[in-house]
Amino acid sequence: MKEFVEYIVKKLVDRPDQVKVSQIDSERTVILELSVDPADLGKVIGKNGRTAKALRTIITAVAAKQGQKRAILEILE
């Protein structure tokens, strides 16, 4: 899951070398913390948060398809 998020976000931003995804596992959820260059933050969030919402929807669907825990994407500033 971590590699999947990293791959998608690297295609969206201008500075793909600054993309970092860390994964925190708990009992029922997997939290993916996404960190990007401050200049690329707007591209990841998108207009009215549409890109971020789409990323979260995709991650939720992939986690459900794989039968994994609930997945949450947090975008760090």
Protein backbone atom coordinates (compact mmCIF):
# COMPACT_ATOMS: atom_id res chain seq x y z
CA MET A 1 0.00 0.00 0.00
CA LYS A 2 2.81 2.39 0.92
CA GLU A 3 4.54 1.88 -2.44
CA PHE A 4 1.24 2.37 -4.28
CA VAL A 5 0.64 5.78 -2.68
CA GLU A 6 4.23 6.79 -3.28
CA TYR A 7 3.99 5.85 -6.97
CA ILE A 8 0.79 7.83 -7.55
CA VAL A 9 1.94 10.94 -5.70
CA LYS A 10 5.33 10.99 -7.44
CA LYS A 11 3.49 11.25 -10.76
CA LEU A 12 1.52 14.29 -9.51
CA VAL A 13 4.31 16.48 -8.10
CA ASP A 14 7.20 18.47 -9.56
CA ARG A 15 9.73 17.22 -6.99
CA PRO A 16 9.22 13.44 -6.74
CA ASP A 17 12.44 13.01 -4.76
CA GLN A 18 10.82 14.87 -1.84
CA VAL A 19 7.87 12.46 -1.54
CA LYS A 20 7.95 10.41 1.64
CA VAL A 21 5.30 7.96 2.84
CA SER A 22 5.44 6.36 6.27
CA GLN A 23 3.12 3.61 7.41
CA ILE A 24 1.77 3.23 10.94
CA ASP A 25 0.00 -0.03 11.68
CA SER A 26 -2.49 -0.38 14.47
CA GLU A 27 -5.00 -3.07 15.36
CA ARG A 28 -7.75 -2.11 12.92
CA THR A 29 -6.24 0.62 10.74
CA VAL A 30 -3.24 1.45 8.63
CA ILE A 31 -2.30 5.13 8.67
CA LEU A 32 -0.26 6.39 5.73
CA GLU A 33 1.46 9.70 6.40
CA LEU A 34 2.36 11.57 3.23
CA SER A 35 4.98 14.29 3.19
CA VAL A 36 5.81 16.35 0.08
CA ASP A 37 7.73 19.52 -0.73
CA PRO A 38 5.72 22.57 0.44
CA ALA A 39 5.59 23.86 -3.16
CA ASP A 40 3.85 20.63 -4.24
CA LEU A 41 1.34 20.53 -1.40
CA GLY A 42 -1.32 22.27 -3.48
CA LYS A 43 -1.01 19.70 -6.25
CA VAL A 44 -1.52 16.83 -3.83
CA ILE A 45 -4.51 18.46 -2.13
CA GLY A 46 -6.06 19.77 -5.36
CA LYS A 47 -8.82 22.30 -5.89
CA ASN A 48 -11.26 22.11 -2.97
CA GLY A 49 -9.44 18.96 -1.81
CA ARG A 50 -10.59 16.89 -4.77
CA THR A 51 -7.22 15.22 -5.45
CA ALA A 52 -6.74 14.32 -1.78
CA LYS A 53 -10.28 12.94 -1.61
CA ALA A 54 -9.68 10.85 -4.74
CA LEU A 55 -6.44 9.48 -3.26
CA ARG A 56 -8.25 8.54 -0.07
CA THR A 57 -11.03 6.83 -2.03
CA ILE A 58 -8.54 4.79 -4.05
CA ILE A 59 -6.63 3.76 -0.92
CA THR A 60 -9.82 2.70 0.82
CA ALA A 61 -10.88 0.64 -2.20
CA VAL A 62 -7.47 -1.05 -2.52
CA ALA A 63 -7.41 -1.92 1.18
CA ALA A 64 -10.92 -3.40 0.97
CA LYS A 65 -10.06 -5.37 -2.16
CA GLN A 66 -6.97 -6.84 -0.49
CA GLY A 67 -8.96 -7.69 2.62
CA GLN A 68 -6.70 -5.52 4.71
CA LYS A 69 -7.40 -3.20 7.58
CA ARG A 70 -8.99 0.21 7.09
CA ALA A 71 -6.56 2.60 5.41
CA ILE A 72 -6.28 6.31 6.24
CA LEU A 73 -4.20 8.87 4.34
CA GLU A 74 -2.86 11.85 6.26
CA ILE A 75 -1.16 14.63 4.32
CA LEU A 76 1.45 16.32 6.48
CA GLU A 77 2.43 19.96 6.03
